[in-house]
C-alpha cells in the first residue's frame, strides 16, 4: 500500500494536468478554484502526515518540490487560458520571475545535478499568496493585485534560493532561509543531508 504522504503528492501531481485540461475545455471557474484549493490542502497535509509518521526523507521532500512547481505552472497556464485579463499589469513581474527561475535552475543542475528543495519560509508565503490569487481569479473571473504581489514574492523567493544554492557546498533539503544556509555551510561544510551530490 502506498504511504499517505506519497498518495497526497501523487494527488497533487494529478491535479496539474487536470486543471489545465479543465481550463482548455471551458469548465466553470469555481471548479478550477476548487482544484487549486484541494491541491493546497494536499500540500499542507503531506508534510504534516509525513512528520507525524516519521517518514520525512530527502527524496519525499524533493518530490514535493518538483510536484509543487509543476502544479503551480500548470495552474498559472490554466488561469491564463480561463481568465487572461488576470495577468494585466503583471507581465514585468512574470518575465522577471521566469528569467530568475530558469537561471537558478540551470545553476543548481550544474552545481548539484538536481534542483534545490529548500522549503523556505518565503516559498511557503509564496504558495499561500499564489493559491489565494488563483482561487480568486478562477472563482470571480477578475484580476487581482494579489497575483502581482505573489509574482514579486516569487522573485524574492527565487533570489533567496539562488543565494542559498551559491552558498551551500552540497545539495541539502529543508533550509528555511538564506541565513540558515550560511550557518549550515559554516557548521557542516561538505556534508549532504540525504541524496548524494552529483
C-alpha atoms as a PDB file:
ATOM      1  CA  UNK A   1       0.000   0.000   0.000  1.00  0.00           C
ATOM      2  CA  UNK A   2       1.278   3.478  -0.927  1.00  0.00           C
ATOM      3  CA  UNK A   3       2.002   5.622   2.176  1.00  0.00           C
ATOM      4  CA  UNK A   4      -0.308   8.591   2.720  1.00  0.00           C
ATOM      5  CA  UNK A   5       2.295  11.342   2.046  1.00  0.00           C
ATOM      6  CA  UNK A   6       3.158   9.814  -1.335  1.00  0.00           C
ATOM      7  CA  UNK A   7      -0.543   9.493  -2.159  1.00  0.00           C
ATOM      8  CA  UNK A   8      -1.088  13.171  -1.376  1.00  0.00           C
ATOM      9  CA  UNK A   9       1.852  14.170  -3.577  1.00  0.00           C
ATOM     10  CA  UNK A  10       0.535  11.916  -6.361  1.00  0.00           C
ATOM     11  CA  UNK A  11      -2.891  13.535  -5.994  1.00  0.00           C
ATOM     12  CA  UNK A  12      -1.353  16.984  -6.430  1.00  0.00           C
ATOM     13  CA  UNK A  13       0.605  15.760  -9.439  1.00  0.00           C
ATOM     14  CA  UNK A  14      -2.648  14.554 -10.997  1.00  0.00           C
ATOM     15  CA  UNK A  15      -4.221  17.960 -10.353  1.00  0.00           C
ATOM     16  CA  UNK A  16      -1.668  19.625 -12.670  1.00  0.00           C
ATOM     17  CA  UNK A  17      -2.900  18.190 -15.987  1.00  0.00           C
ATOM     18  CA  UNK A  18      -6.465  18.130 -14.680  1.00  0.00           C
ATOM     19  CA  UNK A  19      -6.693  21.877 -14.065  1.00  0.00           C
ATOM     20  CA  UNK A  20      -5.086  22.664 -17.413  1.00  0.00           C
ATOM     21  CA  UNK A  21      -7.463  20.388 -19.324  1.00  0.00           C
ATOM     22  CA  UNK A  22     -10.490  21.762 -17.450  1.00  0.00           C
ATOM     23  CA  UNK A  23      -9.457  25.301 -18.426  1.00  0.00           C
ATOM     24  CA  UNK A  24      -8.892  24.324 -22.049  1.00  0.00           C
ATOM     25  CA  UNK A  25     -12.405  22.850 -22.255  1.00  0.00           C
ATOM     26  CA  UNK A  26     -14.001  25.873 -20.605  1.00  0.00           C
ATOM     27  CA  UNK A  27     -15.169  24.303 -17.355  1.00  0.00           C
ATOM     28  CA  UNK A  28     -16.583  26.715 -14.746  1.00  0.00           C
ATOM     29  CA  UNK A  29     -14.094  28.842 -12.823  1.00  0.00           C
ATOM     30  CA  UNK A  30     -15.337  27.736  -9.383  1.00  0.00           C
ATOM     31  CA  UNK A  31     -14.472  24.143 -10.305  1.00  0.00           C
ATOM     32  CA  UNK A  32     -10.920  25.191 -11.198  1.00  0.00           C
ATOM     33  CA  UNK A  33     -10.741  27.168  -7.948  1.00  0.00           C
ATOM     34  CA  UNK A  34     -11.758  24.014  -6.077  1.00  0.00           C
ATOM     35  CA  UNK A  35      -8.915  22.082  -7.729  1.00  0.00           C
ATOM     36  CA  UNK A  36      -6.433  24.721  -6.522  1.00  0.00           C
ATOM     37  CA  UNK A  37      -7.878  24.576  -3.003  1.00  0.00           C
ATOM     38  CA  UNK A  38      -7.692  20.770  -2.969  1.00  0.00           C
ATOM     39  CA  UNK A  39      -4.075  20.868  -4.168  1.00  0.00           C
ATOM     40  CA  UNK A  40      -3.167  23.396  -1.462  1.00  0.00           C
ATOM     41  CA  UNK A  41      -4.767  21.233   1.235  1.00  0.00           C
ATOM     42  CA  UNK A  42      -2.846  18.198  -0.017  1.00  0.00           C
ATOM     43  CA  UNK A  43       0.380  20.223   0.049  1.00  0.00           C
ATOM     44  CA  UNK A  44      -0.156  21.228   3.672  1.00  0.00           C
ATOM     45  CA  UNK A  45      -1.288  17.745   4.669  1.00  0.00           C
ATOM     46  CA  UNK A  46       1.505  15.693   3.103  1.00  0.00           C
ATOM     47  CA  UNK A  47       4.203  17.326   5.223  1.00  0.00           C
ATOM     48  CA  UNK A  48       2.151  17.095   8.402  1.00  0.00           C
ATOM     49  CA  UNK A  49       1.313  13.427   7.793  1.00  0.00           C
ATOM     50  CA  UNK A  50       4.915  12.567   6.945  1.00  0.00           C
ATOM     51  CA  UNK A  51       6.243  14.279  10.072  1.00  0.00           C
ATOM     52  CA  UNK A  52       3.680  12.563  12.280  1.00  0.00           C
ATOM     53  CA  UNK A  53       4.503   9.173  10.736  1.00  0.00           C
ATOM     54  CA  UNK A  54       8.250   9.818  10.889  1.00  0.00           C
ATOM     55  CA  UNK A  55       8.610   9.199   7.155  1.00  0.00           C
ATOM     56  CA  UNK A  56      10.134  12.509   6.079  1.00  0.00           C
ATOM     57  CA  UNK A  57      13.004  11.795   3.680  1.00  0.00           C
ATOM     58  CA  UNK A  58      15.057  13.952   1.298  1.00  0.00           C
ATOM     59  CA  UNK A  59      13.522  12.034  -1.608  1.00  0.00           C
ATOM     60  CA  UNK A  60       9.998  12.818  -0.416  1.00  0.00           C
ATOM     61  CA  UNK A  61      10.837  16.491   0.076  1.00  0.00           C
ATOM     62  CA  UNK A  62      12.404  16.644  -3.389  1.00  0.00           C
ATOM     63  CA  UNK A  63       9.339  15.056  -4.980  1.00  0.00           C
ATOM     64  CA  UNK A  64       7.154  17.557  -3.126  1.00  0.00           C
ATOM     65  CA  UNK A  65       9.148  20.478  -4.556  1.00  0.00           C
ATOM     66  CA  UNK A  66       9.025  19.168  -8.140  1.00  0.00           C
ATOM     67  CA  UNK A  67       5.293  18.443  -7.967  1.00  0.00           C
ATOM     68  CA  UNK A  68       4.562  21.859  -6.430  1.00  0.00           C
ATOM     69  CA  UNK A  69       6.412  23.560  -9.286  1.00  0.00           C
ATOM     70  CA  UNK A  70       4.622  21.534 -11.941  1.00  0.00           C
ATOM     71  CA  UNK A  71       1.212  22.140 -10.382  1.00  0.00           C
ATOM     72  CA  UNK A  72       1.555  25.903  -9.996  1.00  0.00           C
ATOM     73  CA  UNK A  73       2.962  26.309 -13.512  1.00  0.00           C
ATOM     74  CA  UNK A  74       0.002  24.308 -14.847  1.00  0.00           C
ATOM     75  CA  UNK A  75      -2.447  26.298 -12.715  1.00  0.00           C
ATOM     76  CA  UNK A  76      -0.962  29.589 -13.937  1.00  0.00           C
ATOM     77  CA  UNK A  77      -1.299  28.373 -17.514  1.00  0.00           C
ATOM     78  CA  UNK A  78      -4.900  27.416 -16.811  1.00  0.00           C
ATOM     79  CA  UNK A  79      -5.580  30.889 -15.398  1.00  0.00           C
ATOM     80  CA  UNK A  80      -4.038  32.449 -18.497  1.00  0.00           C
ATOM     81  CA  UNK A  81      -6.475  30.438 -20.623  1.00  0.00           C
ATOM     82  CA  UNK A  82      -9.560  30.879 -18.441  1.00  0.00           C
ATOM     83  CA  UNK A  83      -9.032  34.469 -17.260  1.00  0.00           C
ATOM     84  CA  UNK A  84      -6.340  36.091 -19.453  1.00  0.00           C
ATOM     85  CA  UNK A  85      -7.089  39.540 -18.030  1.00  0.00           C
ATOM     86  CA  UNK A  86      -5.893  38.255 -14.639  1.00  0.00           C
ATOM     87  CA  UNK A  87      -2.346  38.900 -15.844  1.00  0.00           C
ATOM     88  CA  UNK A  88      -2.960  42.527 -16.844  1.00  0.00           C
ATOM     89  CA  UNK A  89      -0.238  44.642 -15.268  1.00  0.00           C
ATOM     90  CA  UNK A  90       1.744  41.582 -14.173  1.00  0.00           C
ATOM     91  CA  UNK A  91       3.785  40.988 -17.329  1.00  0.00           C
ATOM     92  CA  UNK A  92       7.007  42.534 -15.986  1.00  0.00           C
ATOM     93  CA  UNK A  93       6.911  40.508 -12.779  1.00  0.00           C
ATOM     94  CA  UNK A  94       6.098  37.350 -14.745  1.00  0.00           C
ATOM     95  CA  UNK A  95       9.020  37.799 -17.151  1.00  0.00           C
ATOM     96  CA  UNK A  96      11.443  38.539 -14.304  1.00  0.00           C
ATOM     97  CA  UNK A  97      10.204  35.505 -12.342  1.00  0.00           C
ATOM     98  CA  UNK A  98      10.617  33.148 -15.297  1.00  0.00           C
ATOM     99  CA  UNK A  99      14.094  34.529 -16.050  1.00  0.00           C
ATOM    100  CA  UNK A 100      15.316  34.178 -12.463  1.00  0.00           C
ATOM    101  CA  UNK A 101      13.724  30.728 -12.067  1.00  0.00           C
ATOM    102  CA  UNK A 102      15.357  29.361 -15.221  1.00  0.00           C
ATOM    103  CA  UNK A 103      18.727  30.900 -14.289  1.00  0.00           C
ATOM    104  CA  UNK A 104      18.548  29.443 -10.783  1.00  0.00           C
ATOM    105  CA  UNK A 105      17.502  26.018 -12.043  1.00  0.00           C
ATOM    106  CA  UNK A 106      20.356  25.959 -14.552  1.00  0.00           C
ATOM    107  CA  UNK A 107      22.828  26.895 -11.822  1.00  0.00           C
ATOM    108  CA  UNK A 108      21.549  24.201  -9.433  1.00  0.00           C
ATOM    109  CA  UNK A 109      21.533  21.475 -12.077  1.00  0.00           C
ATOM    110  CA  UNK A 110      25.102  22.376 -12.964  1.00  0.00           C
ATOM    111  CA  UNK A 111      26.308  22.526  -9.354  1.00  0.00           C
ATOM    112  CA  UNK A 112      24.273  19.771  -7.660  1.00  0.00           C
ATOM    113  CA  UNK A 113      22.941  17.665 -10.509  1.00  0.00           C
ATOM    114  CA  UNK A 114      19.368  18.353  -9.328  1.00  0.00           C
ATOM    115  CA  UNK A 115      17.131  21.242  -8.373  1.00  0.00           C
ATOM    116  CA  UNK A 116      17.154  22.535  -4.805  1.00  0.00           C
ATOM    117  CA  UNK A 117      14.437  21.569  -2.328  1.00  0.00           C
ATOM    118  CA  UNK A 118      14.720  24.103   0.472  1.00  0.00           C
ATOM    119  CA  UNK A 119      11.065  24.617   1.527  1.00  0.00           C
ATOM    120  CA  UNK A 120      11.974  28.125   2.655  1.00  0.00           C
ATOM    121  CA  UNK A 121       9.667  30.327   4.680  1.00  0.00           C
ATOM    122  CA  UNK A 122       9.440  32.619   1.658  1.00  0.00           C
ATOM    123  CA  UNK A 123       8.277  29.715  -0.505  1.00  0.00           C
ATOM    124  CA  UNK A 124       5.512  28.937   1.988  1.00  0.00           C
ATOM    125  CA  UNK A 125       4.368  32.565   1.824  1.00  0.00           C
ATOM    126  CA  UNK A 126       4.520  32.356  -1.963  1.00  0.00           C
ATOM    127  CA  UNK A 127       2.391  29.203  -2.009  1.00  0.00           C
ATOM    128  CA  UNK A 128      -0.342  30.790   0.082  1.00  0.00           C
ATOM    129  CA  UNK A 129      -0.358  34.029  -1.927  1.00  0.00           C
ATOM    130  CA  UNK A 130      -0.347  32.230  -5.255  1.00  0.00           C
ATOM    131  CA  UNK A 131      -3.088  29.821  -4.231  1.00  0.00           C
ATOM    132  CA  UNK A 132      -5.187  32.742  -2.988  1.00  0.00           C
ATOM    133  CA  UNK A 133      -4.682  34.653  -6.232  1.00  0.00           C
ATOM    134  CA  UNK A 134      -5.535  31.607  -8.346  1.00  0.00           C
ATOM    135  CA  UNK A 135      -8.650  30.769  -6.355  1.00  0.00           C
ATOM    136  CA  UNK A 136      -9.844  34.386  -6.580  1.00  0.00           C
ATOM    137  CA  UNK A 137      -9.099  34.618 -10.296  1.00  0.00           C
ATOM    138  CA  UNK A 138     -10.856  31.370 -11.169  1.00  0.00           C
ATOM    139  CA  UNK A 139     -13.823  31.951  -8.855  1.00  0.00           C
ATOM    140  CA  UNK A 140     -14.540  35.549  -9.904  1.00  0.00           C
ATOM    141  CA  UNK A 141     -13.111  35.749 -13.419  1.00  0.00           C
ATOM    142  CA  UNK A 142     -11.438  39.010 -12.428  1.00  0.00           C
ATOM    143  CA  UNK A 143      -7.862  40.195 -11.971  1.00  0.00           C
ATOM    144  CA  UNK A 144      -6.480  40.817  -8.508  1.00  0.00           C
ATOM    145  CA  UNK A 145      -3.430  42.667  -7.256  1.00  0.00           C
ATOM    146  CA  UNK A 146      -2.774  39.570  -5.178  1.00  0.00           C
ATOM    147  CA  UNK A 147      -1.396  37.841  -8.280  1.00  0.00           C
ATOM    148  CA  UNK A 148       1.143  40.588  -8.926  1.00  0.00           C
ATOM    149  CA  UNK A 149       2.144  40.512  -5.252  1.00  0.00           C
ATOM    150  CA  UNK A 150       2.571  36.734  -5.457  1.00  0.00           C
ATOM    151  CA  UNK A 151       4.813  37.058  -8.516  1.00  0.00           C
ATOM    152  CA  UNK A 152       7.082  39.578  -6.773  1.00  0.00           C
ATOM    153  CA  UNK A 153       7.230  37.390  -3.666  1.00  0.00           C
ATOM    154  CA  UNK A 154       8.126  34.551  -6.043  1.00  0.00           C
ATOM    155  CA  UNK A 155      11.011  36.612  -7.405  1.00  0.00           C
ATOM    156  CA  UNK A 156      12.260  37.282  -3.871  1.00  0.00           C
ATOM    157  CA  UNK A 157      11.965  33.577  -3.067  1.00  0.00           C
ATOM    158  CA  UNK A 158      13.895  32.602  -6.206  1.00  0.00           C
ATOM    159  CA  UNK A 159      16.656  35.082  -5.423  1.00  0.00           C
ATOM    160  CA  UNK A 160      16.890  33.818  -1.831  1.00  0.00           C
ATOM    161  CA  UNK A 161      17.037  30.238  -3.070  1.00  0.00           C
ATOM    162  CA  UNK A 162      19.653  31.208  -5.652  1.00  0.00           C
ATOM    163  CA  UNK A 163      21.783  32.751  -2.903  1.00  0.00           C
ATOM    164  CA  UNK A 164      21.407  29.639  -0.729  1.00  0.00           C
ATOM    165  CA  UNK A 165      22.492  27.407  -3.617  1.00  0.00           C
ATOM    166  CA  UNK A 166      25.511  29.594  -4.215  1.00  0.00           C
ATOM    167  CA  UNK A 167      26.451  29.388  -0.522  1.00  0.00           C
ATOM    168  CA  UNK A 168      25.869  25.687   0.169  1.00  0.00           C
ATOM    169  CA  UNK A 169      28.695  23.393  -0.965  1.00  0.00           C
ATOM    170  CA  UNK A 170      26.432  20.341  -1.425  1.00  0.00           C
ATOM    171  CA  UNK A 171      22.747  19.581  -2.056  1.00  0.00           C
ATOM    172  CA  UNK A 172      20.531  19.889   1.016  1.00  0.00           C
ATOM    173  CA  UNK A 173      16.852  19.914   1.877  1.00  0.00           C
ATOM    174  CA  UNK A 174      14.869  21.972   4.361  1.00  0.00           C
ATOM    175  CA  UNK A 175      16.793  25.227   4.559  1.00  0.00           C
ATOM    176  CA  UNK A 176      14.279  27.759   5.974  1.00  0.00           C
ATOM    177  CA  UNK A 177      16.169  30.880   4.876  1.00  0.00           C
ATOM    178  CA  UNK A 178      19.426  32.120   3.416  1.00  0.00           C
ATOM    179  CA  UNK A 179      20.650  32.769   6.968  1.00  0.00           C
ATOM    180  CA  UNK A 180      20.181  29.074   7.721  1.00  0.00           C
ATOM    181  CA  UNK A 181      22.143  28.286   4.560  1.00  0.00           C
ATOM    182  CA  UNK A 182      25.037  30.417   5.793  1.00  0.00           C
ATOM    183  CA  UNK A 183      25.007  28.717   9.212  1.00  0.00           C
ATOM    184  CA  UNK A 184      24.745  25.292   7.587  1.00  0.00           C
ATOM    185  CA  UNK A 185      27.650  25.965   5.228  1.00  0.00           C
ATOM    186  CA  UNK A 186      29.846  27.192   8.092  1.00  0.00           C
ATOM    187  CA  UNK A 187      28.812  24.498  10.535  1.00  0.00           C
ATOM    188  CA  UNK A 188      28.805  21.409   8.303  1.00  0.00           C
ATOM    189  CA  UNK A 189      30.698  22.149   5.113  1.00  0.00           C
ATOM    190  CA  UNK A 190      30.530  19.371   2.552  1.00  0.00           C
ATOM    191  CA  UNK A 191      28.005  17.200   4.409  1.00  0.00           C
ATOM    192  CA  UNK A 192      24.868  16.437   2.373  1.00  0.00           C
ATOM    193  CA  UNK A 193      21.615  15.537   4.106  1.00  0.00           C
ATOM    194  CA  UNK A 194      20.152  12.710   2.111  1.00  0.00           C
ATOM    195  CA  UNK A 195      20.787  12.374  -1.602  1.00  0.00           C
ATOM    196  CA  UNK A 196      24.403  12.484  -2.629  1.00  0.00           C
ATOM    197  CA  UNK A 197      25.838  15.268  -4.666  1.00  0.00           C
ATOM    198  CA  UNK A 198      26.116  14.712  -8.411  1.00  0.00           C
END
